Protein backbone atom coordinates (compact mmCIF):
# COMPACT_ATOMS: atom_id res chain seq x y z
CA MET A 1 -1.26 -0.97 -24.82
CA THR A 2 -0.31 -3.63 -27.20
CA LYS A 3 2.61 -1.97 -29.03
CA ARG A 4 5.96 -1.05 -27.65
CA THR A 5 5.88 2.24 -29.76
CA GLU A 6 2.72 3.23 -28.02
CA TYR A 7 4.40 2.59 -24.54
CA GLU A 8 7.41 4.62 -25.67
CA GLU A 9 5.32 7.58 -26.89
CA LEU A 10 3.38 7.60 -23.44
CA VAL A 11 6.71 7.57 -21.49
CA GLN A 12 8.06 10.59 -23.63
CA LYS A 13 4.68 12.51 -23.15
CA ILE A 14 5.06 12.04 -19.48
CA ALA A 15 8.55 13.17 -19.34
CA ILE A 16 7.72 16.31 -21.38
CA GLU A 17 4.48 17.25 -19.82
CA ALA A 18 5.11 16.03 -16.22
CA ASP A 19 3.05 17.59 -13.42
CA ASN A 20 5.87 16.90 -10.87
CA ARG A 21 9.62 16.73 -11.41
CA ALA A 22 12.16 15.57 -8.79
CA TYR A 23 15.93 15.41 -9.11
CA THR A 24 18.91 14.45 -6.85
CA SER A 25 22.51 13.38 -7.35
CA LEU A 26 23.00 9.73 -7.57
CA ASP A 27 26.78 9.78 -7.57
CA ASP A 28 29.43 12.32 -8.71
CA GLU A 29 28.58 11.97 -12.34
CA ASN A 30 24.86 11.02 -12.58
CA MET A 31 21.65 12.66 -11.42
CA ILE A 32 18.42 10.58 -10.92
CA ALA A 33 15.10 12.07 -12.02
CA VAL A 34 11.55 11.03 -11.49
CA PHE A 35 8.80 12.56 -13.86
CA SER A 36 5.15 11.91 -12.76
CA LYS A 37 1.92 12.93 -14.42
CA GLU A 38 -1.60 12.37 -13.12
CA PHE A 39 -4.35 10.92 -15.20
CA ALA A 40 -6.92 11.14 -12.32
CA PRO A 41 -6.76 12.85 -9.10
CA GLY A 42 -3.97 11.00 -7.22
CA VAL A 43 -3.53 8.46 -9.87
CA GLY A 44 -0.81 8.64 -12.49
CA ILE A 45 2.39 7.17 -13.95
CA ALA A 46 5.97 7.92 -12.92
CA VAL A 47 9.02 7.69 -15.17
CA CYS A 48 12.33 7.18 -13.60
CA GLY A 49 15.89 7.60 -15.24
CA GLU A 50 19.14 9.28 -15.08
CA PHE A 51 20.78 12.38 -16.40
CA ASN A 52 24.49 11.82 -17.38
CA GLU A 53 27.27 14.46 -17.31
CA ASP A 54 26.16 15.89 -20.73
CA ASN A 55 22.69 16.45 -19.24
CA GLN A 56 21.06 13.74 -21.48
CA PHE A 57 18.14 11.80 -19.91
CA TYR A 58 18.08 8.01 -20.00
CA TYR A 59 14.84 6.34 -19.19
CA GLU A 60 15.08 3.20 -17.10
CA TYR A 61 11.62 2.28 -16.03
CA ALA A 62 7.98 3.54 -15.53
CA TYR A 63 5.38 2.41 -13.06
CA PRO A 64 1.70 3.56 -12.25
CA TYR A 65 0.97 4.78 -8.88
CA MET A 66 -1.91 5.72 -6.44
CA GLN A 67 -1.25 8.52 -4.02
CA GLY A 68 -2.59 7.83 -0.65
CA ASN A 69 -4.40 10.64 1.27
CA THR A 70 -4.57 9.16 4.76
CA ILE A 71 -1.69 8.36 7.22
CA SER A 72 -1.73 4.55 7.67
CA SER A 73 1.03 4.28 10.18
CA TYR A 74 3.49 6.13 12.27
CA GLU A 75 5.80 3.18 12.71
CA ASP A 76 9.46 3.72 11.71
CA VAL A 77 10.23 2.50 8.18
CA THR A 78 13.36 0.81 6.85
CA VAL A 79 14.00 1.33 3.02
CA GLU A 80 15.94 -1.21 0.93
CA ARG A 81 17.03 -0.95 -2.70
CA HIS A 82 15.86 -3.47 -5.16
CA SER A 83 18.65 -5.38 -6.61
CA ALA A 84 17.44 -5.23 -10.27
CA GLY A 85 17.30 -1.36 -10.43
CA GLU A 86 17.11 2.05 -8.88
CA SER A 87 13.77 1.36 -7.16
CA TYR A 88 13.13 0.84 -3.47
CA ALA A 89 10.92 -1.07 -0.94
CA GLY A 90 9.72 0.32 2.37
CA VAL A 91 9.43 -2.15 5.38
CA PHE A 92 7.79 -1.61 8.76
CA ASP A 93 6.11 -3.61 11.61
CA ASP A 94 2.68 -2.56 12.72
CA SER A 95 1.34 -4.16 15.76
CA LYS A 96 -2.30 -3.61 14.39
CA ILE A 97 -1.65 -6.26 11.88
CA GLY A 98 1.06 -8.30 13.54
CA ILE A 99 3.03 -8.94 10.34
CA THR A 100 5.86 -7.14 8.50
CA ILE A 101 4.55 -4.96 5.73
CA ILE A 102 6.57 -4.48 2.59
CA PHE A 103 5.47 -1.84 0.09
CA TYR A 104 6.78 -0.28 -3.15
CA LEU A 105 8.25 3.24 -2.36
CA ILE A 106 6.75 5.82 -4.74
CA ASN A 107 8.56 8.85 -3.40
CA ILE A 108 12.26 7.70 -3.73
CA ILE A 109 13.93 11.11 -4.11
CA PRO A 110 13.60 12.42 -0.64
CA TYR A 111 15.01 9.03 0.69
CA ILE A 112 18.07 9.23 -1.74
CA ARG A 113 18.63 12.83 -0.70
CA ALA A 114 18.60 11.94 3.02
CA LYS A 115 20.92 8.75 2.32
CA ASN A 116 23.44 10.94 0.51
CA ALA A 117 23.30 13.55 3.19
CA GLY A 118 23.97 10.89 5.77
CA LEU A 119 20.78 11.63 7.72
CA LEU A 120 19.56 8.05 7.87
CA PRO A 121 17.79 6.59 9.95
CA ILE A 122 15.11 9.42 10.14
CA ARG A 123 12.71 9.09 13.17
CA GLY A 124 9.27 10.46 13.25
CA THR A 125 8.13 9.41 9.81
CA SER A 126 4.62 8.37 8.78
CA VAL A 127 3.48 6.29 5.89
CA ALA A 128 0.40 6.65 3.50
CA LEU A 129 -0.36 3.44 2.09
CA SER A 130 -2.03 3.04 -1.26
CA ALA A 131 -2.68 0.18 -3.74
CA LEU A 132 -3.58 -0.87 -7.36
CA SER A 133 -5.64 -3.93 -8.27
CA ILE A 134 -6.62 -5.49 -11.40
CA SER A 135 -9.25 -7.90 -9.89
CA GLY A 136 -11.62 -7.30 -7.05
CA THR A 137 -14.95 -8.51 -5.64
CA ILE A 138 -17.63 -6.45 -3.55
CA LEU A 139 -18.97 -8.38 -0.61
CA MET A 140 -21.86 -7.43 1.63
CA PRO A 141 -21.02 -6.25 5.16
CA LEU A 142 -21.36 -8.30 8.33
CA ALA A 143 -24.16 -7.50 10.67
CA LYS A 144 -22.62 -5.98 13.83
CA SER A 145 -24.42 -4.67 16.87
CA GLU A 146 -22.90 -1.82 19.09
CA SER A 147 -22.04 -4.29 21.59
CA ASN A 148 -20.25 -6.57 19.02
CA LYS A 149 -18.25 -3.57 17.88
CA ALA A 150 -17.23 -2.68 21.36
CA ARG A 151 -16.16 -6.07 22.04
CA VAL A 152 -14.06 -6.39 18.96
CA ASN A 153 -12.42 -3.04 19.64
CA LYS A 154 -11.51 -4.07 23.00
CA ALA A 155 -10.15 -7.35 21.73
CA VAL A 156 -8.07 -5.44 19.10
CA MET A 157 -6.62 -3.12 21.65
CA ASN A 158 -5.76 -6.05 24.00
CA ARG A 159 -4.01 -7.90 21.09
CA THR A 160 -2.03 -4.68 20.03
CA ARG A 161 -0.92 -4.37 23.60
CA LEU A 162 0.32 -7.92 23.85
CA ILE A 163 2.08 -7.73 20.48
CA GLU A 164 3.93 -4.58 21.62
CA ALA A 165 4.93 -6.32 24.97
CA ALA A 166 5.96 -9.40 23.00
CA ARG A 167 8.36 -7.21 21.02
CA GLN A 168 9.96 -6.06 24.09
CA GLY A 169 10.80 -9.63 25.12
CA ASP A 170 7.79 -10.29 27.46
CA GLU A 171 7.46 -14.05 27.51
CA GLU A 172 4.14 -13.92 29.10
CA ALA A 173 2.52 -11.89 26.44
CA LEU A 174 4.02 -14.11 23.80
CA GLU A 175 2.49 -17.08 25.58
CA ASN A 176 -0.92 -15.26 25.72
CA LEU A 177 -0.72 -14.39 21.94
CA THR A 178 -0.14 -18.16 21.23
CA LEU A 179 -2.90 -19.25 23.37
CA ASP A 180 -5.34 -16.65 21.83
CA ASP A 181 -4.23 -17.94 18.23
CA MET A 182 -4.96 -21.49 19.18
CA ASP A 183 -8.38 -20.53 20.59
CA THR A 184 -9.17 -18.57 17.50
CA TYR A 185 -8.12 -21.57 15.23
CA THR A 186 -10.34 -23.95 17.30
CA ALA A 187 -13.33 -21.72 17.15
CA ILE A 188 -12.94 -21.13 13.30
CA SER A 189 -12.50 -24.85 12.68
CA LYS A 190 -15.83 -25.51 14.27
CA LYS A 191 -17.71 -22.69 12.61
CA ILE A 192 -16.45 -23.32 9.25
CA GLN A 193 -18.16 -26.60 9.01
CA LYS A 194 -21.49 -24.78 8.99
CA GLU A 195 -20.79 -21.25 7.99
CA ASP A 196 -19.15 -19.44 5.07
CA ILE A 197 -15.61 -18.04 5.81
CA PHE A 198 -16.64 -14.47 4.88
CA THR A 199 -19.33 -14.38 7.53
CA ILE A 200 -16.70 -15.30 10.04
CA VAL A 201 -13.62 -13.16 8.89
CA ASP A 202 -14.57 -9.41 8.85
CA THR A 203 -11.24 -8.12 7.42
CA SER A 204 -7.88 -9.77 6.44
CA PHE A 205 -4.46 -8.76 5.24
CA MET A 206 -2.19 -11.58 4.03
CA PRO A 207 0.89 -11.82 1.76
CA TYR A 208 0.08 -13.23 -1.73
CA GLY A 209 2.33 -14.91 -4.29
CA VAL A 210 6.02 -14.78 -4.59
CA GLU A 211 6.11 -10.91 -4.90
CA CYS A 212 6.82 -9.32 -1.57
CA ASP A 213 4.71 -6.34 -2.11
CA GLN A 214 1.44 -8.11 -3.08
CA TYR A 215 -1.24 -9.00 -0.69
CA SER A 216 -4.70 -10.63 -0.53
CA VAL A 217 -7.01 -8.27 1.24
CA LEU A 218 -10.46 -8.14 2.64
CA GLY A 219 -11.42 -4.79 3.89
CA GLU A 220 -14.38 -2.48 4.73
CA ILE A 221 -15.02 0.39 2.37
CA LYS A 222 -14.93 3.73 4.08
CA ALA A 223 -15.24 5.98 1.00
CA VAL A 224 -15.97 5.56 -2.72
CA GLU A 225 -14.97 8.01 -5.54
CA GLU A 226 -15.04 7.65 -9.30
CA ALA A 227 -12.80 9.08 -11.87
CA VAL A 228 -12.24 8.84 -15.72
CA ASN A 229 -8.88 8.29 -17.38
CA PRO A 230 -8.81 11.00 -20.03
CA VAL A 231 -6.55 9.09 -22.33
CA THR A 232 -8.41 5.78 -22.36
CA LYS A 233 -11.80 7.03 -21.36
CA GLU A 234 -12.14 4.23 -18.89
CA LYS A 235 -13.75 4.62 -15.42
CA LEU A 236 -11.75 4.20 -12.41
CA CYS A 237 -12.96 3.34 -8.91
CA LYS A 238 -11.08 4.77 -5.92
CA LEU A 239 -11.82 3.21 -2.66
CA GLN A 240 -10.63 3.84 0.92
CA LEU A 241 -10.27 0.50 2.73
CA GLU A 242 -9.77 -0.39 6.31
CA CYS A 243 -7.98 -3.66 6.73
CA ASN A 244 -7.14 -4.88 10.28
CA ASP A 245 -7.43 -1.13 11.33
CA ILE A 246 -4.90 -0.01 8.58
CA THR A 247 -6.23 2.52 6.09
CA ILE A 248 -5.25 1.86 2.44
CA ASP A 249 -6.39 3.96 -0.65
CA LEU A 250 -7.15 1.71 -3.65
CA CYS A 251 -7.64 2.27 -7.28
CA ILE A 252 -9.04 -0.20 -9.69
CA ASN A 253 -10.45 -0.24 -13.15
CA SER A 254 -14.28 -0.29 -12.94
CA LYS A 255 -14.45 -3.15 -15.33
CA ASP A 256 -12.11 -5.19 -13.18
CA LEU A 257 -14.42 -4.80 -10.21
CA TYR A 258 -17.20 -7.23 -9.73
CA GLY A 259 -20.14 -5.87 -7.81
CA GLU A 260 -21.27 -2.43 -6.78
CA PRO A 261 -19.09 -0.58 -4.21
CA ALA A 262 -20.67 1.36 -1.43
CA VAL A 263 -19.59 2.61 1.97
CA GLY A 264 -19.96 -0.25 4.50
CA ARG A 265 -19.48 -3.09 2.09
CA ARG A 266 -16.25 -4.97 1.73
CA PHE A 267 -13.60 -5.30 -1.00
CA LYS A 268 -11.98 -8.61 -1.58
CA GLY A 269 -8.94 -8.84 -4.01
CA ILE A 270 -5.35 -8.82 -4.85
CA ILE A 271 -3.47 -5.68 -4.39
CA TRP A 272 0.05 -4.27 -5.31
CA LEU A 273 0.88 -2.27 -2.13
CA GLN A 274 2.57 1.13 -2.50
CA GLY A 275 3.58 3.68 0.07
CA TYR A 276 4.59 7.40 0.39
CA ILE A 277 6.86 8.24 3.29
CA ASN A 278 6.22 11.45 4.94
CA TYR A 279 9.37 12.80 6.43
CA PRO A 280 9.34 15.31 9.36
CA ALA A 281 9.98 18.99 8.34
CA GLU A 282 13.47 20.19 8.77
């Protein structure tokens, strides 16, 4: 969209024809509302705003979203409000990646309800991670034998165990992790002189830029699905990725994807990470 009027018309259309509506009290006088409308299965735009005491709705912001279909982590999540507005970021540590993951929370109403009711922190939650991208490349897979897969899986399990132990204050585990990282760095430094980096690294997950919820990923494609945006008639490509044993559902415009996606191949690109927190049933 190139005109402000087109954007405002779309926002109004979503608020009126929303597929899902969620409300909750923000304070004694105002009520926050989120209206969302899908333009493809699991992919849509959400409009967030407030109702005042006269029941008038004031639009604040809108954002595109991708609804994840697979549980990515069962780690406990901490939620923090963005300082610029009534939007939130989710934060959790997953031993499979070894870094703190920050995502844009797409279901804010259940969290605000729990906060207002004094139920936080809530244990036993899970997170379905999803992502949007405006630039990506398809890479061919690495040739891996069954013995190599078994060796890699064993190494991943061992590293996960060491990270968990290091979190508990085990100094020996922390020392072993440091030594493993040094050995990995040495091995890669030797190989990189003769081999391409993408023949050495299978998957990766790294923070990107100054935005805390943007990441540079290299992940194996586990599923591919195509859809069409009925408004713009553009083709969308929905991919299920596995990055460092973390599952992420990704959506990207087909014209922004270089290469032909297929199961087993790899996706490399910059993503905006989103997340949907599943709260335990009351």
